[in-house]
C-alpha atoms as a PDB file:
ATOM      1  CA  UNK A   1       0.201   0.114  -0.044  1.00  0.00           C
ATOM      2  CA  UNK A   2       1.259   3.630  -0.433  1.00  0.00           C
ATOM      3  CA  UNK A   3       3.450   4.665   2.378  1.00  0.00           C
ATOM      4  CA  UNK A   4       4.989   1.168   3.014  1.00  0.00           C
ATOM      5  CA  UNK A   5       1.757  -0.124   4.570  1.00  0.00           C
ATOM      6  CA  UNK A   6       0.950  -3.705   4.221  1.00  0.00           C
ATOM      7  CA  UNK A   7      -2.550  -5.267   5.210  1.00  0.00           C
ATOM      8  CA  UNK A   8      -2.959  -9.158   5.291  1.00  0.00           C
ATOM      9  CA  UNK A   9      -6.186 -10.217   4.403  1.00  0.00           C
ATOM     10  CA  UNK A  10      -7.728 -13.882   4.616  1.00  0.00           C
ATOM     11  CA  UNK A  11     -10.703 -14.725   2.265  1.00  0.00           C
ATOM     12  CA  UNK A  12     -12.094 -16.981   4.869  1.00  0.00           C
ATOM     13  CA  UNK A  13     -11.873 -14.715   7.693  1.00  0.00           C
ATOM     14  CA  UNK A  14     -12.815 -11.580   5.463  1.00  0.00           C
ATOM     15  CA  UNK A  15     -16.090 -13.773   4.402  1.00  0.00           C
ATOM     16  CA  UNK A  16     -16.851 -14.974   7.934  1.00  0.00           C
ATOM     17  CA  UNK A  17     -16.594 -11.360   9.000  1.00  0.00           C
ATOM     18  CA  UNK A  18     -19.457 -10.377   6.209  1.00  0.00           C
ATOM     19  CA  UNK A  19     -21.508 -13.171   7.056  1.00  0.00           C
ATOM     20  CA  UNK A  20     -21.791 -12.156  10.591  1.00  0.00           C
ATOM     21  CA  UNK A  21     -22.114  -9.189   9.783  1.00  0.00           C
ATOM     22  CA  UNK A  22     -25.305  -9.861   7.783  1.00  0.00           C
ATOM     23  CA  UNK A  23     -26.067 -12.390  10.612  1.00  0.00           C
ATOM     24  CA  UNK A  24     -26.002  -9.309  13.336  1.00  0.00           C
ATOM     25  CA  UNK A  25     -28.008  -7.354  11.095  1.00  0.00           C
ATOM     26  CA  UNK A  26     -30.961  -9.563   9.998  1.00  0.00           C
ATOM     27  CA  UNK A  27     -31.451 -10.645  13.586  1.00  0.00           C
ATOM     28  CA  UNK A  28     -31.378  -7.159  14.610  1.00  0.00           C
ATOM     29  CA  UNK A  29     -34.037  -5.912  12.364  1.00  0.00           C
ATOM     30  CA  UNK A  30     -36.189  -9.250  13.448  1.00  0.00           C
ATOM     31  CA  UNK A  31     -35.770  -8.280  16.556  1.00  0.00           C
ATOM     32  CA  UNK A  32     -36.529  -4.617  16.306  1.00  0.00           C
ATOM     33  CA  UNK A  33     -39.948  -6.245  14.591  1.00  0.00           C
ATOM     34  CA  UNK A  34     -40.857  -8.259  18.062  1.00  0.00           C
ATOM     35  CA  UNK A  35     -42.722  -7.592  20.551  1.00  0.00           C
ATOM     36  CA  UNK A  36     -46.836  -6.290  21.117  1.00  0.00           C
ATOM     37  CA  UNK A  37     -46.871  -4.470  18.085  1.00  0.00           C
ATOM     38  CA  UNK A  38     -45.350  -6.676  15.608  1.00  0.00           C
ATOM     39  CA  UNK A  39     -43.745  -5.379  12.281  1.00  0.00           C
ATOM     40  CA  UNK A  40     -42.716  -7.473   9.114  1.00  0.00           C
ATOM     41  CA  UNK A  41     -38.988  -7.009   8.201  1.00  0.00           C
ATOM     42  CA  UNK A  42     -39.732  -4.823   5.209  1.00  0.00           C
ATOM     43  CA  UNK A  43     -41.592  -2.379   7.317  1.00  0.00           C
ATOM     44  CA  UNK A  44     -38.521  -2.160   9.870  1.00  0.00           C
ATOM     45  CA  UNK A  45     -36.017  -1.685   7.221  1.00  0.00           C
ATOM     46  CA  UNK A  46     -38.190   0.893   5.518  1.00  0.00           C
ATOM     47  CA  UNK A  47     -38.586   2.686   9.098  1.00  0.00           C
ATOM     48  CA  UNK A  48     -35.174   2.725   9.590  1.00  0.00           C
ATOM     49  CA  UNK A  49     -34.457   4.486   5.941  1.00  0.00           C
ATOM     50  CA  UNK A  50     -37.082   7.107   7.112  1.00  0.00           C
ATOM     51  CA  UNK A  51     -40.183   5.831   5.168  1.00  0.00           C
ATOM     52  CA  UNK A  52     -42.457   4.490   8.069  1.00  0.00           C
ATOM     53  CA  UNK A  53     -45.687   5.912   9.458  1.00  0.00           C
ATOM     54  CA  UNK A  54     -44.983   8.242  12.598  1.00  0.00           C
ATOM     55  CA  UNK A  55     -46.098   5.309  15.004  1.00  0.00           C
ATOM     56  CA  UNK A  56     -43.604   3.025  13.325  1.00  0.00           C
ATOM     57  CA  UNK A  57     -41.131   5.765  13.694  1.00  0.00           C
ATOM     58  CA  UNK A  58     -42.149   6.215  17.100  1.00  0.00           C
ATOM     59  CA  UNK A  59     -41.804   2.271  18.115  1.00  0.00           C
ATOM     60  CA  UNK A  60     -38.503   1.756  15.825  1.00  0.00           C
ATOM     61  CA  UNK A  61     -36.316   5.009  16.497  1.00  0.00           C
ATOM     62  CA  UNK A  62     -37.329   5.895  20.144  1.00  0.00           C
ATOM     63  CA  UNK A  63     -38.136   2.118  21.710  1.00  0.00           C
ATOM     64  CA  UNK A  64     -36.920  -0.770  19.985  1.00  0.00           C
ATOM     65  CA  UNK A  65     -33.781   0.662  18.086  1.00  0.00           C
ATOM     66  CA  UNK A  66     -31.701   1.981  21.230  1.00  0.00           C
ATOM     67  CA  UNK A  67     -32.119  -1.636  22.620  1.00  0.00           C
ATOM     68  CA  UNK A  68     -30.888  -3.669  19.576  1.00  0.00           C
ATOM     69  CA  UNK A  69     -27.485  -0.875  19.440  1.00  0.00           C
ATOM     70  CA  UNK A  70     -26.982  -1.743  23.308  1.00  0.00           C
ATOM     71  CA  UNK A  71     -27.259  -5.348  22.575  1.00  0.00           C
ATOM     72  CA  UNK A  72     -24.941  -4.922  19.781  1.00  0.00           C
ATOM     73  CA  UNK A  73     -22.361  -2.973  21.369  1.00  0.00           C
ATOM     74  CA  UNK A  74     -22.741  -4.664  24.789  1.00  0.00           C
ATOM     75  CA  UNK A  75     -21.821  -7.834  22.596  1.00  0.00           C
ATOM     76  CA  UNK A  76     -18.609  -6.468  20.670  1.00  0.00           C
ATOM     77  CA  UNK A  77     -17.227  -5.046  23.678  1.00  0.00           C
ATOM     78  CA  UNK A  78     -17.483  -8.598  25.785  1.00  0.00           C
ATOM     79  CA  UNK A  79     -16.401 -10.496  22.970  1.00  0.00           C
ATOM     80  CA  UNK A  80     -13.157  -8.041  22.125  1.00  0.00           C
ATOM     81  CA  UNK A  81     -12.310  -8.331  26.729  1.00  0.00           C
ATOM     82  CA  UNK A  82     -12.622 -12.212  26.102  1.00  0.00           C
ATOM     83  CA  UNK A  83     -10.393 -12.176  22.886  1.00  0.00           C
ATOM     84  CA  UNK A  84      -7.851 -10.065  24.887  1.00  0.00           C
ATOM     85  CA  UNK A  85      -7.631 -11.939  27.847  1.00  0.00           C
ATOM     86  CA  UNK A  86      -7.789 -15.275  25.949  1.00  0.00           C
ATOM     87  CA  UNK A  87      -4.838 -14.510  24.017  1.00  0.00           C
ATOM     88  CA  UNK A  88      -3.016 -12.910  26.301  1.00  0.00           C
ATOM     89  CA  UNK A  89      -3.071 -15.961  28.962  1.00  0.00           C
ATOM     90  CA  UNK A  90      -3.119 -18.254  25.876  1.00  0.00           C
ATOM     91  CA  UNK A  91      -6.124 -19.704  27.574  1.00  0.00           C
ATOM     92  CA  UNK A  92      -9.549 -20.712  26.616  1.00  0.00           C
ATOM     93  CA  UNK A  93     -10.562 -20.186  29.789  1.00  0.00           C
ATOM     94  CA  UNK A  94      -9.395 -16.925  30.468  1.00  0.00           C
ATOM     95  CA  UNK A  95     -12.280 -15.026  29.849  1.00  0.00           C
ATOM     96  CA  UNK A  96     -12.925 -12.088  32.212  1.00  0.00           C
ATOM     97  CA  UNK A  97     -16.090 -13.315  33.618  1.00  0.00           C
ATOM     98  CA  UNK A  98     -13.889 -16.279  34.599  1.00  0.00           C
ATOM     99  CA  UNK A  99     -10.765 -14.402  35.623  1.00  0.00           C
ATOM    100  CA  UNK A 100     -12.616 -11.956  38.112  1.00  0.00           C
ATOM    101  CA  UNK A 101     -12.984  -8.676  35.919  1.00  0.00           C
ATOM    102  CA  UNK A 102     -16.757  -9.132  35.555  1.00  0.00           C
ATOM    103  CA  UNK A 103     -16.577  -9.975  39.414  1.00  0.00           C
ATOM    104  CA  UNK A 104     -14.977  -6.464  40.374  1.00  0.00           C
ATOM    105  CA  UNK A 105     -17.464  -4.462  38.370  1.00  0.00           C
ATOM    106  CA  UNK A 106     -20.626  -6.444  39.814  1.00  0.00           C
ATOM    107  CA  UNK A 107     -19.017  -5.389  43.359  1.00  0.00           C
ATOM    108  CA  UNK A 108     -18.662  -1.691  42.413  1.00  0.00           C
ATOM    109  CA  UNK A 109     -22.199  -1.684  41.499  1.00  0.00           C
ATOM    110  CA  UNK A 110     -23.852  -3.454  44.062  1.00  0.00           C
ATOM    111  CA  UNK A 111     -21.488  -1.383  46.453  1.00  0.00           C
ATOM    112  CA  UNK A 112     -23.195   1.718  44.949  1.00  0.00           C
ATOM    113  CA  UNK A 113     -26.907   0.054  45.011  1.00  0.00           C
ATOM    114  CA  UNK A 114     -26.914  -1.417  48.658  1.00  0.00           C
ATOM    115  CA  UNK A 115     -24.276   1.002  50.355  1.00  0.00           C
ATOM    116  CA  UNK A 116     -25.240   4.423  48.853  1.00  0.00           C
ATOM    117  CA  UNK A 117     -28.570   3.943  47.247  1.00  0.00           C
ATOM    118  CA  UNK A 118     -27.378   5.562  43.720  1.00  0.00           C
ATOM    119  CA  UNK A 119     -29.269   6.141  40.686  1.00  0.00           C
ATOM    120  CA  UNK A 120     -28.328   4.375  37.198  1.00  0.00           C
ATOM    121  CA  UNK A 121     -25.704   6.696  36.312  1.00  0.00           C
ATOM    122  CA  UNK A 122     -24.173   6.141  39.971  1.00  0.00           C
ATOM    123  CA  UNK A 123     -24.564   2.478  39.807  1.00  0.00           C
ATOM    124  CA  UNK A 124     -22.828   2.151  35.825  1.00  0.00           C
ATOM    125  CA  UNK A 125     -19.708   4.822  37.390  1.00  0.00           C
ATOM    126  CA  UNK A 126     -19.534   1.889  40.624  1.00  0.00           C
ATOM    127  CA  UNK A 127     -19.353  -0.858  38.008  1.00  0.00           C
ATOM    128  CA  UNK A 128     -16.453   1.004  35.855  1.00  0.00           C
ATOM    129  CA  UNK A 129     -14.604   2.010  38.834  1.00  0.00           C
ATOM    130  CA  UNK A 130     -14.686  -2.195  40.640  1.00  0.00           C
ATOM    131  CA  UNK A 131     -13.551  -3.407  36.922  1.00  0.00           C
ATOM    132  CA  UNK A 132     -10.784  -1.077  36.831  1.00  0.00           C
ATOM    133  CA  UNK A 133      -9.624  -1.566  40.491  1.00  0.00           C
ATOM    134  CA  UNK A 134      -9.974  -5.049  39.947  1.00  0.00           C
ATOM    135  CA  UNK A 135      -7.729  -5.334  36.872  1.00  0.00           C
ATOM    136  CA  UNK A 136      -4.856  -3.488  39.140  1.00  0.00           C
ATOM    137  CA  UNK A 137      -5.382  -5.933  41.582  1.00  0.00           C
ATOM    138  CA  UNK A 138      -5.405  -8.996  39.264  1.00  0.00           C
ATOM    139  CA  UNK A 139      -2.322  -7.348  37.300  1.00  0.00           C
ATOM    140  CA  UNK A 140      -0.439  -6.373  40.316  1.00  0.00           C
ATOM    141  CA  UNK A 141      -1.036  -9.933  42.042  1.00  0.00           C
ATOM    142  CA  UNK A 142      -0.030 -11.770  39.013  1.00  0.00           C
ATOM    143  CA  UNK A 143       2.991  -9.738  38.303  1.00  0.00           C
ATOM    144  CA  UNK A 144       6.354 -11.613  38.766  1.00  0.00           C
ATOM    145  CA  UNK A 145       9.096 -10.279  36.189  1.00  0.00           C
ATOM    146  CA  UNK A 146       5.878 -10.007  33.997  1.00  0.00           C
ATOM    147  CA  UNK A 147       2.789 -11.652  33.633  1.00  0.00           C
ATOM    148  CA  UNK A 148       2.694 -15.086  32.715  1.00  0.00           C
ATOM    149  CA  UNK A 149      -0.673 -16.214  31.118  1.00  0.00           C
ATOM    150  CA  UNK A 150      -0.988 -19.305  33.641  1.00  0.00           C
ATOM    151  CA  UNK A 151      -0.592 -17.231  36.634  1.00  0.00           C
ATOM    152  CA  UNK A 152      -3.440 -14.250  35.617  1.00  0.00           C
ATOM    153  CA  UNK A 153      -5.599 -16.881  35.354  1.00  0.00           C
ATOM    154  CA  UNK A 154      -4.774 -18.826  38.716  1.00  0.00           C
ATOM    155  CA  UNK A 155      -4.681 -15.237  40.332  1.00  0.00           C
ATOM    156  CA  UNK A 156      -7.766 -13.963  38.720  1.00  0.00           C
ATOM    157  CA  UNK A 157      -9.970 -17.005  39.777  1.00  0.00           C
ATOM    158  CA  UNK A 158      -8.786 -16.555  42.936  1.00  0.00           C
ATOM    159  CA  UNK A 159      -9.931 -12.801  43.147  1.00  0.00           C
ATOM    160  CA  UNK A 160     -13.047 -14.157  41.282  1.00  0.00           C
ATOM    161  CA  UNK A 161     -14.090 -16.402  44.386  1.00  0.00           C
ATOM    162  CA  UNK A 162     -13.313 -13.588  47.002  1.00  0.00           C
ATOM    163  CA  UNK A 163     -15.371 -11.578  44.926  1.00  0.00           C
ATOM    164  CA  UNK A 164     -18.238 -13.378  45.032  1.00  0.00           C
ATOM    165  CA  UNK A 165     -18.285 -13.668  48.743  1.00  0.00           C
ATOM    166  CA  UNK A 166     -18.020  -9.753  48.883  1.00  0.00           C
ATOM    167  CA  UNK A 167     -21.755 -10.254  46.426  1.00  0.00           C
ATOM    168  CA  UNK A 168     -22.917 -12.360  48.589  1.00  0.00           C
ATOM    169  CA  UNK A 169     -21.846 -10.188  51.994  1.00  0.00           C
ATOM    170  CA  UNK A 170     -23.476  -7.031  49.978  1.00  0.00           C
ATOM    171  CA  UNK A 171     -26.913  -8.999  49.075  1.00  0.00           C
ATOM    172  CA  UNK A 172     -27.224  -9.893  52.513  1.00  0.00           C
ATOM    173  CA  UNK A 173     -26.390  -6.552  53.964  1.00  0.00           C
ATOM    174  CA  UNK A 174     -29.366  -4.581  51.721  1.00  0.00           C
ATOM    175  CA  UNK A 175     -32.544  -4.238  52.731  1.00  0.00           C
ATOM    176  CA  UNK A 176     -35.925  -6.008  50.574  1.00  0.00           C
ATOM    177  CA  UNK A 177     -36.204  -3.176  48.221  1.00  0.00           C
ATOM    178  CA  UNK A 178     -32.444  -2.644  47.273  1.00  0.00           C
ATOM    179  CA  UNK A 179     -31.653  -6.640  47.211  1.00  0.00           C
ATOM    180  CA  UNK A 180     -34.303  -7.174  45.034  1.00  0.00           C
ATOM    181  CA  UNK A 181     -32.847  -4.539  42.440  1.00  0.00           C
ATOM    182  CA  UNK A 182     -29.823  -5.737  42.960  1.00  0.00           C
ATOM    183  CA  UNK A 183     -30.861  -8.843  41.959  1.00  0.00           C
ATOM    184  CA  UNK A 184     -32.738  -7.883  39.134  1.00  0.00           C
ATOM    185  CA  UNK A 185     -29.416  -5.883  37.940  1.00  0.00           C
ATOM    186  CA  UNK A 186     -26.948  -9.090  38.349  1.00  0.00           C
ATOM    187  CA  UNK A 187     -29.406 -11.434  36.146  1.00  0.00           C
ATOM    188  CA  UNK A 188     -27.954  -9.143  33.136  1.00  0.00           C
ATOM    189  CA  UNK A 189     -30.822  -7.258  31.420  1.00  0.00           C
ATOM    190  CA  UNK A 190     -31.756  -5.454  28.135  1.00  0.00           C
ATOM    191  CA  UNK A 191     -35.172  -4.167  28.930  1.00  0.00           C
ATOM    192  CA  UNK A 192     -35.614  -0.465  29.295  1.00  0.00           C
ATOM    193  CA  UNK A 193     -32.309   0.290  27.504  1.00  0.00           C
ATOM    194  CA  UNK A 194     -32.606   3.848  25.698  1.00  0.00           C
ATOM    195  CA  UNK A 195     -29.973   6.243  24.024  1.00  0.00           C
ATOM    196  CA  UNK A 196     -28.866   7.447  27.475  1.00  0.00           C
ATOM    197  CA  UNK A 197     -26.960   3.701  27.039  1.00  0.00           C
ATOM    198  CA  UNK A 198     -26.177   4.037  23.494  1.00  0.00           C
ATOM    199  CA  UNK A 199     -23.828   6.858  24.076  1.00  0.00           C
ATOM    200  CA  UNK A 200     -21.221   6.156  26.143  1.00  0.00           C
ATOM    201  CA  UNK A 201     -21.178   2.772  25.118  1.00  0.00           C
ATOM    202  CA  UNK A 202     -20.177   4.248  20.970  1.00  0.00           C
ATOM    203  CA  UNK A 203     -18.150   6.339  22.390  1.00  0.00           C
ATOM    204  CA  UNK A 204     -16.348   3.772  24.323  1.00  0.00           C
ATOM    205  CA  UNK A 205     -15.735   1.565  21.569  1.00  0.00           C
ATOM    206  CA  UNK A 206     -15.272   4.275  18.826  1.00  0.00           C
ATOM    207  CA  UNK A 207     -12.285   5.141  21.284  1.00  0.00           C
ATOM    208  CA  UNK A 208     -10.947   1.733  22.341  1.00  0.00           C
ATOM    209  CA  UNK A 209     -11.544  -0.399  19.204  1.00  0.00           C
ATOM    210  CA  UNK A 210      -8.862   1.235  16.575  1.00  0.00           C
ATOM    211  CA  UNK A 211      -6.802   0.922  19.901  1.00  0.00           C
ATOM    212  CA  UNK A 212      -7.563  -2.502  20.126  1.00  0.00           C
ATOM    213  CA  UNK A 213      -7.651  -3.392  16.275  1.00  0.00           C
ATOM    214  CA  UNK A 214      -4.202  -1.677  16.187  1.00  0.00           C
ATOM    215  CA  UNK A 215      -2.386  -4.103  18.434  1.00  0.00           C
ATOM    216  CA  UNK A 216      -3.942  -7.253  16.694  1.00  0.00           C
ATOM    217  CA  UNK A 217      -0.155  -8.444  15.359  1.00  0.00           C
ATOM    218  CA  UNK A 218       1.439  -7.674  18.201  1.00  0.00           C
ATOM    219  CA  UNK A 219      -1.496  -9.888  20.473  1.00  0.00           C
ATOM    220  CA  UNK A 220      -1.086 -12.621  17.824  1.00  0.00           C
ATOM    221  CA  UNK A 221       2.756 -12.462  18.794  1.00  0.00           C
ATOM    222  CA  UNK A 222       2.068 -12.576  22.255  1.00  0.00           C
ATOM    223  CA  UNK A 223       0.137 -15.853  22.003  1.00  0.00           C
ATOM    224  CA  UNK A 224       4.027 -17.254  21.043  1.00  0.00           C
ATOM    225  CA  UNK A 225       5.228 -16.157  24.206  1.00  0.00           C
ATOM    226  CA  UNK A 226       6.951 -13.262  25.512  1.00  0.00           C
ATOM    227  CA  UNK A 227      10.620 -14.291  24.144  1.00  0.00           C
ATOM    228  CA  UNK A 228       9.301 -14.978  21.082  1.00  0.00           C
ATOM    229  CA  UNK A 229       7.668 -11.746  21.185  1.00  0.00           C
ATOM    230  CA  UNK A 230      10.402  -9.839  22.230  1.00  0.00           C
ATOM    231  CA  UNK A 231      12.458 -11.713  19.352  1.00  0.00           C
ATOM    232  CA  UNK A 232       9.986 -10.022  16.997  1.00  0.00           C
ATOM    233  CA  UNK A 233      10.333  -6.440  18.511  1.00  0.00           C
ATOM    234  CA  UNK A 234       7.139  -6.433  20.617  1.00  0.00           C
ATOM    235  CA  UNK A 235       7.407  -4.092  23.277  1.00  0.00           C
ATOM    236  CA  UNK A 236       5.893  -6.851  25.357  1.00  0.00           C
ATOM    237  CA  UNK A 237       4.836  -5.800  28.979  1.00  0.00           C
ATOM    238  CA  UNK A 238       3.653  -2.025  27.583  1.00  0.00           C
ATOM    239  CA  UNK A 239       1.367  -4.129  24.963  1.00  0.00           C
ATOM    240  CA  UNK A 240       0.201  -6.336  27.587  1.00  0.00           C
ATOM    241  CA  UNK A 241      -0.708  -2.756  29.772  1.00  0.00           C
ATOM    242  CA  UNK A 242      -2.129  -1.359  26.781  1.00  0.00           C
ATOM    243  CA  UNK A 243      -4.311  -4.478  26.144  1.00  0.00           C
ATOM    244  CA  UNK A 244      -5.539  -5.051  29.959  1.00  0.00           C
ATOM    245  CA  UNK A 245      -6.555  -1.541  30.054  1.00  0.00           C
ATOM    246  CA  UNK A 246      -8.448  -2.045  26.767  1.00  0.00           C
ATOM    247  CA  UNK A 247     -10.262  -5.422  28.232  1.00  0.00           C
ATOM    248  CA  UNK A 248     -10.851  -4.002  31.693  1.00  0.00           C
ATOM    249  CA  UNK A 249     -12.956  -1.061  30.062  1.00  0.00           C
ATOM    250  CA  UNK A 250     -14.625  -3.096  27.540  1.00  0.00           C
ATOM    251  CA  UNK A 251     -15.960  -5.350  30.263  1.00  0.00           C
ATOM    252  CA  UNK A 252     -16.546  -2.953  33.001  1.00  0.00           C
ATOM    253  CA  UNK A 253     -18.572  -0.601  30.304  1.00  0.00           C
ATOM    254  CA  UNK A 254     -20.656  -3.038  28.968  1.00  0.00           C
ATOM    255  CA  UNK A 255     -21.656  -4.574  32.601  1.00  0.00           C
ATOM    256  CA  UNK A 256     -22.675  -0.839  33.814  1.00  0.00           C
ATOM    257  CA  UNK A 257     -24.910  -0.976  30.366  1.00  0.00           C
ATOM    258  CA  UNK A 258     -26.560  -4.058  30.810  1.00  0.00           C
ATOM    259  CA  UNK A 259     -25.242  -5.950  34.199  1.00  0.00           C
ATOM    260  CA  UNK A 260     -23.367  -8.925  34.264  1.00  0.00           C
ATOM    261  CA  UNK A 261     -24.336 -10.798  31.252  1.00  0.00           C
ATOM    262  CA  UNK A 262     -22.269 -14.404  31.134  1.00  0.00           C
ATOM    263  CA  UNK A 263     -20.042 -16.654  28.802  1.00  0.00           C
ATOM    264  CA  UNK A 264     -20.665 -13.800  25.657  1.00  0.00           C
ATOM    265  CA  UNK A 265     -17.186 -12.960  26.669  1.00  0.00           C
ATOM    266  CA  UNK A 266     -16.197 -16.338  27.231  1.00  0.00           C
ATOM    267  CA  UNK A 267     -17.488 -18.032  23.968  1.00  0.00           C
ATOM    268  CA  UNK A 268     -17.628 -15.493  21.033  1.00  0.00           C
ATOM    269  CA  UNK A 269     -13.918 -15.631  20.475  1.00  0.00           C
ATOM    270  CA  UNK A 270     -13.374 -18.949  20.516  1.00  0.00           C
ATOM    271  CA  UNK A 271     -16.478 -19.669  17.943  1.00  0.00           C
ATOM    272  CA  UNK A 272     -15.085 -16.850  15.740  1.00  0.00           C
ATOM    273  CA  UNK A 273     -11.685 -18.590  15.615  1.00  0.00           C
ATOM    274  CA  UNK A 274     -13.239 -21.975  15.118  1.00  0.00           C
ATOM    275  CA  UNK A 275     -14.765 -20.561  11.585  1.00  0.00           C
ATOM    276  CA  UNK A 276     -12.335 -18.542  10.680  1.00  0.00           C
ATOM    277  CA  UNK A 277      -9.735 -21.311  11.335  1.00  0.00           C
ATOM    278  CA  UNK A 278      -7.256 -18.891  11.364  1.00  0.00           C
ATOM    279  CA  UNK A 279      -4.289 -18.158  13.841  1.00  0.00           C
ATOM    280  CA  UNK A 280      -4.684 -15.208  16.442  1.00  0.00           C
ATOM    281  CA  UNK A 281      -7.297 -13.443  18.155  1.00  0.00           C
ATOM    282  CA  UNK A 282      -9.397 -12.820  14.897  1.00  0.00           C
ATOM    283  CA  UNK A 283     -10.886  -9.573  17.046  1.00  0.00           C
ATOM    284  CA  UNK A 284     -12.946  -8.264  14.205  1.00  0.00           C
ATOM    285  CA  UNK A 285     -14.737 -11.544  13.721  1.00  0.00           C
ATOM    286  CA  UNK A 286     -14.637 -12.059  17.498  1.00  0.00           C
ATOM    287  CA  UNK A 287     -16.514  -8.492  17.989  1.00  0.00           C
ATOM    288  CA  UNK A 288     -18.999  -9.390  15.206  1.00  0.00           C
ATOM    289  CA  UNK A 289     -19.869 -12.624  16.450  1.00  0.00           C
ATOM    290  CA  UNK A 290     -20.257 -11.492  20.270  1.00  0.00           C
ATOM    291  CA  UNK A 291     -22.908  -8.856  18.296  1.00  0.00           C
ATOM    292  CA  UNK A 292     -24.724 -11.776  16.943  1.00  0.00           C
ATOM    293  CA  UNK A 293     -24.746 -13.910  19.985  1.00  0.00           C
ATOM    294  CA  UNK A 294     -26.198 -11.211  22.492  1.00  0.00           C
ATOM    295  CA  UNK A 295     -28.796  -9.974  19.702  1.00  0.00           C
ATOM    296  CA  UNK A 296     -29.744 -13.955  19.051  1.00  0.00           C
ATOM    297  CA  UNK A 297     -30.167 -14.448  22.587  1.00  0.00           C
ATOM    298  CA  UNK A 298     -32.263 -10.924  23.056  1.00  0.00           C
ATOM    299  CA  UNK A 299     -34.374 -12.472  20.420  1.00  0.00           C
ATOM    300  CA  UNK A 300     -34.891 -15.678  22.111  1.00  0.00           C
ATOM    301  CA  UNK A 301     -35.656 -14.238  25.319  1.00  0.00           C
ATOM    302  CA  UNK A 302     -37.835 -11.831  24.212  1.00  0.00           C
ATOM    303  CA  UNK A 303     -39.884 -14.333  21.662  1.00  0.00           C
ATOM    304  CA  UNK A 304     -39.418 -17.620  23.419  1.00  0.00           C
ATOM    305  CA  UNK A 305     -42.308 -17.668  26.269  1.00  0.00           C
ATOM    306  CA  UNK A 306     -45.268 -15.204  24.955  1.00  0.00           C
ATOM    307  CA  UNK A 307     -46.354 -12.844  27.167  1.00  0.00           C
ATOM    308  CA  UNK A 308     -43.297 -13.368  29.260  1.00  0.00           C
ATOM    309  CA  UNK A 309     -40.069 -11.857  28.534  1.00  0.00           C
ATOM    310  CA  UNK A 310     -36.871 -13.560  30.277  1.00  0.00           C
ATOM    311  CA  UNK A 311     -33.770 -11.896  31.218  1.00  0.00           C
ATOM    312  CA  UNK A 312     -31.132 -11.656  28.676  1.00  0.00           C
ATOM    313  CA  UNK A 313     -28.592 -13.142  30.951  1.00  0.00           C
ATOM    314  CA  UNK A 314     -30.748 -15.957  31.748  1.00  0.00           C
ATOM    315  CA  UNK A 315     -30.682 -16.926  28.110  1.00  0.00           C
ATOM    316  CA  UNK A 316     -26.453 -16.715  27.950  1.00  0.00           C
ATOM    317  CA  UNK A 317     -26.121 -18.458  31.189  1.00  0.00           C
ATOM    318  CA  UNK A 318     -27.857 -21.344  29.615  1.00  0.00           C
ATOM    319  CA  UNK A 319     -26.279 -21.620  26.445  1.00  0.00           C
ATOM    320  CA  UNK A 320     -23.145 -20.188  27.776  1.00  0.00           C
ATOM    321  CA  UNK A 321     -22.852 -23.434  30.156  1.00  0.00           C
ATOM    322  CA  UNK A 322     -23.568 -26.255  27.385  1.00  0.00           C
ATOM    323  CA  UNK A 323     -20.730 -24.283  25.683  1.00  0.00           C
ATOM    324  CA  UNK A 324     -18.106 -24.511  28.789  1.00  0.00           C
ATOM    325  CA  UNK A 325     -18.960 -28.296  29.175  1.00  0.00           C
ATOM    326  CA  UNK A 326     -18.251 -29.054  25.507  1.00  0.00           C
ATOM    327  CA  UNK A 327     -15.322 -26.840  25.712  1.00  0.00           C
ATOM    328  CA  UNK A 328     -14.006 -28.405  28.900  1.00  0.00           C
ATOM    329  CA  UNK A 329     -14.511 -32.161  27.188  1.00  0.00           C
ATOM    330  CA  UNK A 330     -12.980 -31.022  24.028  1.00  0.00           C
ATOM    331  CA  UNK A 331      -9.773 -29.757  25.834  1.00  0.00           C
ATOM    332  CA  UNK A 332      -9.502 -32.770  28.262  1.00  0.00           C
ATOM    333  CA  UNK A 333      -9.637 -35.104  25.030  1.00  0.00           C
ATOM    334  CA  UNK A 334      -6.911 -33.188  23.512  1.00  0.00           C
ATOM    335  CA  UNK A 335      -4.890 -33.268  26.539  1.00  0.00           C
ATOM    336  CA  UNK A 336      -4.629 -29.863  26.410  1.00  0.00           C
ATOM    337  CA  UNK A 337      -6.329 -29.829  30.483  1.00  0.00           C
END
């Protein structure tokens, strides 16, 4: 390319990304058309293009489109966070909701709810602060002349266990109203999401995604080990700190927007890697897979039981638990665990 830049494009990975983007758009349109006022696929598309009735414009733009956009952004953020930490730890189980970062965001939000009775904005701020503090703690405890992947996972699991106890303690200290509110938030839901959640998420993704994508090649080299990455000219610790910071911010802000939605960060990067069949973190494919998975889960939560809508976290928990069991069996048979 002009200026001496080079760009490597793998045909299969590019095709997978295109198909995932098309699938995410199709599911988003179906999701927008689902509800008490059903709309056909064509009506939703026409309304998005500005050719709908006044009622359709209100339902799509004011009520349902923000929820679909939050699902896309939260799913992409969770998947990117999972891809980063799985690559840094070189472990398919090195997901942020396994190694404690999601728990940290939950503790931060519950602290605001239970101890201070904060509003939605304060709860979101508590979730972000809790995630960042947990990231600093895990990094500091895992540091020993660098951060080795297996040690990062072990320290993260230990921190997650402690934070789980803190979560239970906060629930027992809450009054009935706050405990109910906290339990509902901990389930993970996209219900009632509006443009107030879309703005911060879109801003975060616009700032952090280019940073993460620009570090895709160094991240791929880090999967080969620190020594190999050093020999190829990668500033290992600086790259690791930048990527860990981005990963923690992704999981913290996603948790602040929709609550702790389980297993998307764990499963989306691995599914994307299996579809593309290419080495490395597959960041673009992982983000599109995360968006598509959360949209599908939200559609299932909305349409599976007519007249009764489930929180999306329940659906991702069931599907993700089945995926985790399959992953453990596969890794065991391969002799990796």
